[in-house]
Amino acid sequence: MLLVQKRLFCILPCNKSTIHLSSYEICSLFSSFSTAKDQISDHKSNFTVVNPLQSCELSSEKAAKTAKCRTCDTKSSSSSLSIELFKQSGWSDAQVMKLMQREPRLLHANVETILKPRMRSLQDMGFSDTEIVQLVSSCPNVLNLRDIQPRINFWRSLLGSNERLLKVCRRNMFLLTSSLVRKIEPNISLLRECGISEQCITRMVVTLPRFFHRTNKYINESIKHVEELGVSRDCKMFPHALLTVMTLSRSRFDATFATLMSFGWSQPDSIAAFRRHPAIWNLSKKNLCDKMTFLMKEAGCELTYIIGHPVLLAFSLEKRLRPRYEVLNFLDQNKLLDKGHNLLSVVTLSEEKFRNKFLFLLRKEKFIAQYDSYVVAVQGKHYSHPCPKCTGESVSFSTATTTAAFSLAKGGSCGGIFLCRALIAAASSPSANGDSARDIVCVTVSKATTYNR
């Protein structure tokens, strides 16, 4: 009894008359508590939870997860109206579910005063139903904005089209909701003061939209950091250097300098490389180390050559540097390579020019293994052989089959029809018809020429 009195003392007002209770009064008090609890329990048992998300043909489990256990009692009708509005506007059940997961407040938004007027506003601004679905899915908060029209007009005038605006919103959902006056406009004005063109600013927004709603102080510090590294504002690489600095943390940025210096680069050499190709700093430490190891140990490049041509580090090791080096080295060993070619001149060529100039030299059957090795490294198992006469035409076949693959290409520069017959089986394992050679037949108007591969 004393324990009960102490507990009652903690929950009742501190008045002496309230703590001197008889046993009968205490029992009556607990009885009233029990009755009230039973009434609440009965009320809960009679309460039916309505989940409007189940109207989207979703399972009860998924609908409950989407609603996050929120009971929709008094607001269930408005929730159903919201969902019905989205479905009538062309939204699929999966799209509605995803939207409600990202922005549950839209379930209870007033359809007549909020959702319909704002979706109609998007239509008036020239967005199609499909584009509205894409925009709201990427940035659900856009329907919570009262000043949606001036925000969209600002970004669309800067980016130039709905397509670019949707692309930016997919990359960053907060760009439309960030304050234009406090963040966006001051940051863009700052970039203009640096002499960055409108076209370049647009490209920066598309590439890295999340940094435009950073503080003006942060942008200012990034600009000063770039200038400290010797990249002046009138340099064409200034915007690229600025994006790199804004992307990386200071520790990650300094780590790239340390990686290069571990291979013998001096600090001035590293800074000079940053001025010319700042994108190299976006590479991981492993990526950079692998490329430096390959260039110095396998390709035999001098350190001074790499320092003088840092663009080499910007190319893919597995799809550009190593495959092309192997072709170049193979041609050189078989005395098929003219003088005056080096690794830099080869890796900077476009794929089409490289194939026409170097890969075509491997047309003989005894060199086909090297050809296949290159193409598999660059494109995978499915690849194409270029027509020896029509540089713009090719045929495709797969190394996974042993049957011949045929492809016709008409209207080439040779004025005829190009037919490639690729016998996939190796010479040591002839195909069913006994052929072991790979033939490319270029049929022109006047004659047919056969090239043994």
Protein backbone atom coordinates (compact mmCIF):
# COMPACT_ATOMS: atom_id res chain seq x y z
CA MET A 1 0.00 0.00 0.00
CA LEU A 2 2.84 2.36 0.83
CA LEU A 3 4.44 1.64 -2.57
CA VAL A 4 1.17 2.50 -4.33
CA GLN A 5 0.93 5.77 -2.43
CA LYS A 6 4.49 6.69 -3.44
CA ARG A 7 3.72 6.08 -7.11
CA LEU A 8 0.51 8.08 -6.88
CA PHE A 9 2.47 10.90 -5.28
CA CYS A 10 4.58 11.09 -8.43
CA ILE A 11 1.63 11.39 -10.82
CA LEU A 12 -0.86 13.42 -8.78
CA PRO A 13 -0.56 17.08 -7.74
CA CYS A 14 1.53 17.64 -4.61
CA ASN A 15 -1.30 18.25 -2.23
CA LYS A 16 -1.52 16.53 1.14
CA SER A 17 -5.19 15.74 0.67
CA THR A 18 -4.44 13.72 -2.45
CA ILE A 19 -2.01 11.27 -0.93
CA HIS A 20 -4.12 10.21 2.08
CA LEU A 21 -6.42 7.76 0.33
CA SER A 22 -8.25 4.85 1.79
CA SER A 23 -7.98 1.35 0.41
CA TYR A 24 -11.47 1.65 -1.05
CA GLU A 25 -10.58 4.90 -2.79
CA ILE A 26 -7.41 3.42 -4.22
CA CYS A 27 -9.28 0.38 -5.53
CA SER A 28 -11.89 2.66 -7.08
CA LEU A 29 -9.16 4.70 -8.72
CA PHE A 30 -7.54 1.62 -10.31
CA SER A 31 -10.96 0.43 -11.39
CA SER A 32 -11.55 3.71 -13.22
CA PHE A 33 -8.11 3.39 -14.90
CA SER A 34 -8.97 -0.13 -16.02
CA THR A 35 -12.35 0.95 -17.37
CA ALA A 36 -10.81 3.84 -19.32
CA LYS A 37 -8.14 1.51 -20.73
CA ASP A 38 -10.81 -0.97 -21.83
CA GLN A 39 -12.76 1.81 -23.50
CA ILE A 40 -9.65 2.94 -25.41
CA SER A 41 -8.97 -0.66 -26.39
CA ASP A 42 -12.55 -1.09 -27.61
CA HIS A 43 -12.26 2.16 -29.57
CA LYS A 44 -9.08 0.96 -31.26
CA SER A 45 -10.59 -2.40 -32.09
CA ASN A 46 -13.54 -0.68 -33.82
CA PHE A 47 -11.19 1.62 -35.78
CA THR A 48 -10.58 0.56 -39.37
CA VAL A 49 -7.29 1.62 -40.90
CA VAL A 50 -7.75 2.67 -44.48
CA ASN A 51 -4.68 2.55 -46.69
CA PRO A 52 -5.39 4.35 -49.96
CA LEU A 53 -2.12 3.05 -51.42
CA GLN A 54 -3.79 -0.35 -51.80
CA SER A 55 -5.83 1.21 -54.62
CA CYS A 56 -2.59 1.21 -56.63
CA GLU A 57 -2.80 -2.58 -56.93
CA LEU A 58 0.03 -2.97 -54.44
CA SER A 59 0.30 -5.70 -51.87
CA SER A 60 -0.75 -4.87 -48.32
CA GLU A 61 2.84 -5.27 -47.20
CA LYS A 62 4.19 -2.79 -49.75
CA ALA A 63 1.39 -0.34 -49.14
CA ALA A 64 1.96 -0.46 -45.39
CA LYS A 65 5.67 0.05 -45.92
CA THR A 66 5.01 3.02 -48.19
CA ALA A 67 2.62 4.62 -45.75
CA LYS A 68 5.13 3.96 -42.96
CA CYS A 69 2.39 2.80 -40.62
CA ARG A 70 0.55 6.12 -40.81
CA THR A 71 -3.17 5.73 -40.15
CA CYS A 72 -5.36 7.47 -42.68
CA ASP A 73 -8.56 8.02 -40.74
CA THR A 74 -9.94 11.49 -41.31
CA LYS A 75 -7.65 12.11 -44.28
CA SER A 76 -8.15 8.86 -46.14
CA SER A 77 -10.58 10.48 -48.60
CA SER A 78 -8.08 13.20 -49.52
CA SER A 79 -5.37 10.55 -49.87
CA SER A 80 -7.53 8.58 -52.28
CA LEU A 81 -8.24 11.73 -54.26
CA SER A 82 -4.52 12.52 -54.50
CA ILE A 83 -3.71 9.06 -55.78
CA GLU A 84 -6.61 9.15 -58.20
CA LEU A 85 -5.40 12.49 -59.59
CA PHE A 86 -1.92 11.12 -60.29
CA LYS A 87 -3.31 7.98 -61.92
CA GLN A 88 -5.63 10.05 -64.13
CA SER A 89 -2.61 12.14 -65.15
CA GLY A 90 -0.87 9.09 -66.59
CA TRP A 91 1.10 7.84 -63.58
CA SER A 92 1.55 4.09 -63.21
CA ASP A 93 0.94 2.34 -59.89
CA ALA A 94 4.68 1.85 -59.40
CA GLN A 95 5.35 5.54 -60.06
CA VAL A 96 2.68 6.61 -57.57
CA MET A 97 4.11 4.27 -54.94
CA LYS A 98 7.64 5.58 -55.45
CA LEU A 99 6.42 9.17 -55.27
CA MET A 100 4.57 8.57 -52.00
CA GLN A 101 7.62 6.88 -50.53
CA ARG A 102 9.77 9.91 -51.30
CA GLU A 103 7.20 12.56 -50.38
CA PRO A 104 4.38 11.17 -48.14
CA ARG A 105 2.97 14.67 -47.58
CA LEU A 106 1.52 14.57 -51.10
CA LEU A 107 -0.90 11.89 -49.88
CA HIS A 108 -2.71 14.49 -47.79
CA ALA A 109 -2.23 17.51 -50.04
CA ASN A 110 -5.44 19.24 -51.02
CA VAL A 111 -6.26 18.21 -54.56
CA GLU A 112 -8.28 21.29 -55.55
CA THR A 113 -6.15 24.02 -54.00
CA ILE A 114 -2.63 22.53 -54.26
CA LEU A 115 -2.11 19.57 -56.57
CA LYS A 116 -4.37 20.44 -59.51
CA PRO A 117 -3.32 24.12 -59.78
CA ARG A 118 0.39 23.29 -59.59
CA MET A 119 0.22 20.44 -62.07
CA ARG A 120 -1.82 22.70 -64.36
CA SER A 121 0.88 25.34 -63.96
CA LEU A 122 3.47 22.84 -65.20
CA GLN A 123 1.29 22.10 -68.22
CA ASP A 124 0.92 25.82 -68.94
CA MET A 125 4.73 26.12 -68.93
CA GLY A 126 4.93 23.61 -71.79
CA PHE A 127 5.61 20.35 -69.97
CA SER A 128 3.96 17.27 -71.44
CA ASP A 129 2.30 14.69 -69.19
CA THR A 130 5.33 12.43 -69.55
CA GLU A 131 7.71 15.28 -68.66
CA ILE A 132 5.62 16.16 -65.61
CA VAL A 133 5.88 12.57 -64.41
CA GLN A 134 9.67 12.71 -64.88
CA LEU A 135 10.00 16.10 -63.18
CA VAL A 136 7.85 15.32 -60.13
CA SER A 137 9.39 11.84 -59.76
CA SER A 138 12.87 13.37 -59.72
CA CYS A 139 11.92 16.32 -57.52
CA PRO A 140 8.73 15.52 -55.53
CA ASN A 141 9.01 18.72 -53.49
CA VAL A 142 8.29 20.74 -56.60
CA LEU A 143 4.56 20.33 -55.91
CA ASN A 144 5.03 21.84 -52.45
CA LEU A 145 6.46 25.07 -53.89
CA ARG A 146 4.25 28.13 -54.16
CA ASP A 147 6.65 29.91 -56.52
CA ILE A 148 7.16 26.98 -58.86
CA GLN A 149 6.81 29.02 -62.06
CA PRO A 150 9.62 31.59 -61.55
CA ARG A 151 12.00 28.86 -60.41
CA ILE A 152 11.41 26.71 -63.47
CA ASN A 153 11.55 29.70 -65.80
CA PHE A 154 14.93 30.68 -64.33
CA TRP A 155 16.50 27.26 -64.79
CA ARG A 156 14.96 26.66 -68.19
CA SER A 157 16.23 29.99 -69.49
CA LEU A 158 19.71 29.06 -68.25
CA LEU A 159 19.70 25.45 -69.47
CA GLY A 160 17.83 26.10 -72.71
CA SER A 161 15.33 23.24 -72.77
CA ASN A 162 13.01 21.03 -70.77
CA GLU A 163 15.20 18.05 -71.61
CA ARG A 164 18.25 19.53 -69.91
CA LEU A 165 16.19 20.69 -66.94
CA LEU A 166 14.86 17.15 -66.43
CA LYS A 167 18.37 15.74 -66.73
CA VAL A 168 19.65 18.13 -64.04
CA CYS A 169 16.70 17.34 -61.75
CA ARG A 170 17.43 13.61 -62.05
CA ARG A 171 20.97 14.29 -60.88
CA ASN A 172 20.00 16.60 -58.03
CA MET A 173 16.52 16.77 -56.53
CA PHE A 174 17.24 19.87 -54.45
CA LEU A 175 18.21 22.26 -57.23
CA LEU A 176 14.65 23.48 -57.86
CA THR A 177 13.93 23.90 -54.17
CA SER A 178 17.10 25.86 -53.36
CA SER A 179 16.67 29.59 -52.85
CA LEU A 180 17.35 31.55 -56.03
CA VAL A 181 17.99 34.81 -54.19
CA ARG A 182 20.21 33.53 -51.38
CA LYS A 183 22.20 30.81 -53.16
CA ILE A 184 21.73 30.15 -56.85
CA GLU A 185 21.84 33.66 -58.34
CA PRO A 186 24.83 34.84 -56.22
CA ASN A 187 26.81 31.71 -57.17
CA ILE A 188 26.11 32.12 -60.88
CA SER A 189 26.97 35.82 -60.70
CA LEU A 190 30.27 34.87 -59.08
CA LEU A 191 31.09 32.52 -61.96
CA ARG A 192 30.23 35.24 -64.47
CA GLU A 193 32.59 37.61 -62.68
CA CYS A 194 35.34 35.03 -63.24
CA GLY A 195 34.79 35.35 -66.97
CA ILE A 196 33.11 31.98 -67.40
CA SER A 197 30.79 32.00 -70.41
CA GLU A 198 27.07 31.22 -70.25
CA GLN A 199 27.61 28.07 -72.29
CA CYS A 200 30.26 26.87 -69.87
CA ILE A 201 28.07 27.68 -66.84
CA THR A 202 25.28 25.65 -68.40
CA ARG A 203 27.68 22.75 -68.88
CA MET A 204 28.80 23.05 -65.26
CA VAL A 205 25.20 22.96 -64.03
CA VAL A 206 24.51 19.80 -66.05
CA THR A 207 27.77 18.17 -64.94
CA LEU A 208 27.74 19.11 -61.26
CA PRO A 209 24.36 20.59 -60.22
CA ARG A 210 24.73 19.91 -56.51
CA PHE A 211 27.40 22.55 -56.03
CA PHE A 212 25.21 25.42 -57.22
CA HIS A 213 23.16 25.34 -54.04
CA ARG A 214 26.28 25.44 -51.89
CA THR A 215 27.09 28.63 -50.00
CA ASN A 216 28.65 31.56 -51.81
CA LYS A 217 31.55 31.34 -49.37
CA TYR A 218 32.33 27.77 -50.48
CA ILE A 219 32.38 28.75 -54.17
CA ASN A 220 34.65 31.68 -53.37
CA GLU A 221 37.10 29.46 -51.50
CA SER A 222 37.17 26.98 -54.41
CA ILE A 223 37.97 29.79 -56.86
CA LYS A 224 40.83 31.00 -54.66
CA HIS A 225 42.20 27.45 -54.40
CA VAL A 226 42.25 27.10 -58.20
CA GLU A 227 44.03 30.42 -58.58
CA GLU A 228 46.61 29.39 -55.96
CA LEU A 229 47.43 26.40 -58.17
CA GLY A 230 48.29 28.75 -61.01
CA VAL A 231 45.14 28.43 -63.12
CA SER A 232 44.12 31.96 -64.04
CA ARG A 233 40.55 32.99 -64.67
CA ASP A 234 41.20 33.67 -68.36
CA CYS A 235 42.59 30.15 -68.89
CA LYS A 236 40.29 27.84 -70.87
CA MET A 237 40.87 25.10 -68.29
CA PHE A 238 39.68 27.28 -65.39
CA PRO A 239 36.07 25.94 -65.37
CA HIS A 240 37.34 22.34 -65.51
CA ALA A 241 39.82 22.98 -62.71
CA LEU A 242 37.09 24.62 -60.63
CA LEU A 243 34.76 21.62 -61.06
CA THR A 244 37.57 19.28 -60.02
CA VAL A 245 38.37 21.30 -56.91
CA MET A 246 34.69 21.49 -55.94
CA THR A 247 34.24 17.75 -56.46
CA LEU A 248 37.10 16.54 -54.28
CA SER A 249 37.85 17.01 -50.63
CA ARG A 250 41.12 18.74 -49.79
CA SER A 251 42.64 15.52 -48.45
CA ARG A 252 41.68 13.57 -51.60
CA PHE A 253 43.03 16.37 -53.77
CA ASP A 254 46.38 16.44 -51.96
CA ALA A 255 46.56 12.62 -52.08
CA THR A 256 46.74 12.74 -55.89
CA PHE A 257 49.77 15.02 -55.66
CA ALA A 258 51.35 12.57 -53.23
CA THR A 259 50.67 9.63 -55.58
CA LEU A 260 52.33 11.33 -58.54
CA MET A 261 55.31 12.39 -56.44
CA SER A 262 55.77 8.77 -55.31
CA PHE A 263 56.54 7.94 -58.97
CA GLY A 264 59.13 10.69 -59.20
CA TRP A 265 57.04 13.70 -60.14
CA SER A 266 58.13 16.98 -58.60
CA GLN A 267 55.58 19.35 -57.12
CA PRO A 268 55.96 21.87 -59.99
CA ASP A 269 55.49 18.99 -62.47
CA SER A 270 52.29 17.92 -60.70
CA ILE A 271 50.93 21.47 -60.61
CA ALA A 272 51.73 21.88 -64.32
CA ALA A 273 49.82 18.65 -65.05
CA PHE A 274 46.83 19.93 -63.09
CA ARG A 275 46.79 23.14 -65.12
CA ARG A 276 46.69 21.16 -68.36
CA HIS A 277 44.47 18.20 -67.39
CA PRO A 278 42.69 18.71 -64.06
CA ALA A 279 40.40 15.71 -64.73
CA ILE A 280 43.33 13.43 -63.81
CA TRP A 281 42.69 14.37 -60.16
CA ASN A 282 39.33 12.60 -60.33
CA LEU A 283 41.09 9.26 -60.78
CA SER A 284 41.44 6.92 -57.85
CA LYS A 285 44.86 6.17 -56.39
CA LYS A 286 44.75 2.60 -57.75
CA ASN A 287 43.76 3.78 -61.21
CA LEU A 288 46.59 6.31 -61.29
CA CYS A 289 49.15 3.82 -59.97
CA ASP A 290 48.14 1.15 -62.49
CA LYS A 291 48.51 3.56 -65.38
CA MET A 292 51.89 4.88 -64.22
CA THR A 293 53.15 1.32 -63.71
CA PHE A 294 52.00 0.27 -67.17
CA LEU A 295 53.46 3.30 -68.95
CA MET A 296 56.83 3.06 -67.22
CA LYS A 297 57.35 -0.71 -66.98
CA GLU A 298 55.38 -2.25 -69.86
CA ALA A 299 55.27 0.52 -72.44
CA GLY A 300 58.78 1.67 -71.56
CA CYS A 301 57.93 5.37 -71.36
CA GLU A 302 60.39 7.69 -69.70
CA LEU A 303 59.12 9.68 -66.74
CA THR A 304 59.91 12.92 -68.57
CA TYR A 305 57.73 11.73 -71.49
CA ILE A 306 54.74 11.10 -69.20
CA ILE A 307 55.25 14.41 -67.40
CA GLY A 308 55.38 16.17 -70.75
CA HIS A 309 52.19 14.40 -71.91
CA PRO A 310 49.96 13.97 -68.83
CA VAL A 311 46.95 13.41 -71.10
CA LEU A 312 48.10 9.77 -71.31
CA LEU A 313 46.82 9.29 -67.76
CA ALA A 314 43.33 10.40 -68.77
CA PHE A 315 42.73 7.43 -71.11
CA SER A 316 41.35 4.08 -70.03
CA LEU A 317 44.07 1.56 -69.30
CA GLU A 318 42.14 -1.56 -70.34
CA LYS A 319 40.25 -0.13 -73.33
CA ARG A 320 42.70 2.34 -74.81
CA LEU A 321 46.28 2.38 -73.50
CA ARG A 322 47.12 -1.34 -73.27
CA PRO A 323 45.19 -2.60 -76.37
CA ARG A 324 46.63 0.07 -78.65
CA TYR A 325 50.12 -0.31 -77.27
CA GLU A 326 49.98 -4.06 -77.96
CA VAL A 327 48.87 -3.44 -81.55
CA LEU A 328 51.58 -0.82 -82.02
CA ASN A 329 54.22 -3.11 -80.55
CA PHE A 330 53.06 -6.07 -82.67
CA LEU A 331 53.18 -4.04 -85.87
CA ASP A 332 56.63 -2.75 -84.99
CA GLN A 333 57.98 -6.26 -84.30
CA ASN A 334 56.65 -7.51 -87.65
CA LYS A 335 58.04 -4.46 -89.45
CA LEU A 336 54.59 -3.30 -90.55
CA LEU A 337 54.78 0.08 -88.88
CA ASP A 338 56.00 3.23 -90.55
CA LYS A 339 58.40 5.44 -88.67
CA GLY A 340 57.19 8.49 -86.82
CA HIS A 341 54.50 6.84 -84.69
CA ASN A 342 54.59 6.92 -80.90
CA LEU A 343 52.20 5.95 -78.12
CA LEU A 344 50.76 9.45 -77.74
CA SER A 345 49.93 9.84 -81.43
CA VAL A 346 48.25 6.43 -81.44
CA VAL A 347 46.11 6.64 -78.29
CA THR A 348 44.76 10.10 -79.16
CA LEU A 349 43.29 8.87 -82.47
CA SER A 350 39.57 8.22 -82.69
CA GLU A 351 38.53 4.57 -82.83
CA GLU A 352 37.57 4.80 -86.48
CA LYS A 353 40.87 6.39 -87.52
CA PHE A 354 42.87 3.88 -85.49
CA ARG A 355 41.13 0.95 -87.12
CA ASN A 356 41.54 2.29 -90.63
CA LYS A 357 45.19 3.23 -90.14
CA PHE A 358 46.60 0.49 -87.92
CA LEU A 359 44.16 -2.35 -87.40
CA PHE A 360 43.70 -2.90 -91.11
CA LEU A 361 47.40 -3.85 -91.30
CA LEU A 362 46.48 -7.06 -89.44
CA ARG A 363 44.33 -8.33 -92.32
CA LYS A 364 46.43 -11.45 -92.94
CA GLU A 365 45.35 -14.75 -91.45
CA LYS A 366 48.49 -15.15 -89.37
CA PHE A 367 47.78 -11.82 -87.66
CA ILE A 368 44.06 -12.36 -86.99
CA ALA A 369 44.66 -13.46 -83.38
CA GLN A 370 46.13 -10.05 -82.58
CA TYR A 371 43.22 -8.36 -84.31
CA ASP A 372 40.70 -10.36 -82.30
CA SER A 373 42.61 -9.69 -79.09
CA TYR A 374 42.33 -5.96 -79.60
CA VAL A 375 38.65 -5.93 -80.51
CA VAL A 376 37.66 -8.21 -77.65
CA ALA A 377 39.54 -5.93 -75.22
CA VAL A 378 37.79 -2.84 -76.54
CA GLN A 379 34.29 -4.09 -77.35
CA GLY A 380 33.91 -7.49 -75.71
CA LYS A 381 32.89 -10.69 -77.51
CA HIS A 382 30.72 -8.95 -80.10
CA TYR A 383 32.73 -6.96 -82.59
CA SER A 384 33.01 -5.99 -86.23
CA HIS A 385 35.48 -6.22 -89.11
CA PRO A 386 35.86 -3.09 -91.24
CA CYS A 387 35.44 -3.32 -94.98
CA PRO A 388 38.88 -2.88 -96.64
CA LYS A 389 37.40 -0.67 -99.31
CA CYS A 390 34.51 1.04 -97.54
CA THR A 391 35.80 2.61 -94.35
CA GLY A 392 32.31 3.49 -93.20
CA GLU A 393 30.92 -0.03 -93.34
CA SER A 394 31.34 -3.04 -91.13
CA VAL A 395 29.86 -6.41 -90.30
CA SER A 396 29.44 -8.02 -86.93
CA PHE A 397 29.91 -11.53 -85.66
CA SER A 398 30.34 -13.29 -82.35
CA THR A 399 33.26 -15.44 -81.25
CA ALA A 400 30.82 -17.61 -79.30
CA THR A 401 29.48 -19.36 -82.42
CA THR A 402 31.05 -21.68 -84.98
CA THR A 403 28.67 -20.83 -87.79
CA ALA A 404 29.29 -18.25 -90.46
CA ALA A 405 27.72 -14.81 -89.94
CA PHE A 406 26.67 -12.75 -92.90
CA SER A 407 25.88 -9.07 -93.18
CA LEU A 408 25.21 -6.85 -96.17
CA ALA A 409 25.94 -3.16 -96.31
CA LYS A 410 24.90 -1.20 -99.36
CA GLY A 411 25.87 2.11 -100.87
CA GLY A 412 29.45 2.34 -99.60
CA SER A 413 32.24 4.42 -101.02
CA CYS A 414 33.23 1.50 -103.25
CA GLY A 415 29.88 1.84 -104.98
CA GLY A 416 28.86 -1.76 -104.41
CA ILE A 417 27.84 -4.28 -101.80
CA PHE A 418 30.05 -5.44 -98.94
CA LEU A 419 29.69 -9.05 -97.84
CA CYS A 420 31.70 -10.38 -94.91
CA ARG A 421 31.89 -14.11 -94.28
CA ALA A 422 33.54 -14.78 -90.94
CA LEU A 423 34.34 -18.42 -90.26
CA ILE A 424 34.57 -18.46 -86.49
CA ALA A 425 36.33 -21.79 -86.11
CA ALA A 426 40.10 -21.56 -85.77
CA ALA A 427 42.43 -23.01 -88.38
CA SER A 428 43.28 -25.86 -86.03
CA SER A 429 39.59 -26.67 -85.62
CA PRO A 430 37.96 -26.44 -89.06
CA SER A 431 34.26 -25.83 -89.41
CA ALA A 432 31.84 -28.39 -90.78
CA ASN A 433 32.44 -27.48 -94.40
CA GLY A 434 36.22 -27.79 -94.01
CA ASP A 435 37.03 -24.10 -94.44
CA SER A 436 39.64 -22.68 -92.11
CA ALA A 437 40.33 -19.25 -93.62
CA ARG A 438 38.43 -16.05 -93.02
CA ASP A 439 37.48 -14.29 -96.23
CA ILE A 440 36.22 -10.81 -96.80
CA VAL A 441 34.64 -10.37 -100.19
CA CYS A 442 34.09 -6.86 -101.43
CA VAL A 443 31.85 -7.01 -104.47
CA THR A 444 32.08 -3.87 -106.57
CA VAL A 445 30.20 -2.94 -109.68
CA SER A 446 33.02 -3.99 -111.99
CA LYS A 447 34.80 -6.82 -110.17
CA ALA A 448 35.08 -8.84 -106.98
CA THR A 449 38.20 -8.76 -104.86
CA THR A 450 38.93 -11.37 -102.20
CA TYR A 451 41.08 -10.54 -99.16
CA ASN A 452 42.44 -13.40 -97.10
CA ARG A 453 42.30 -12.68 -93.37
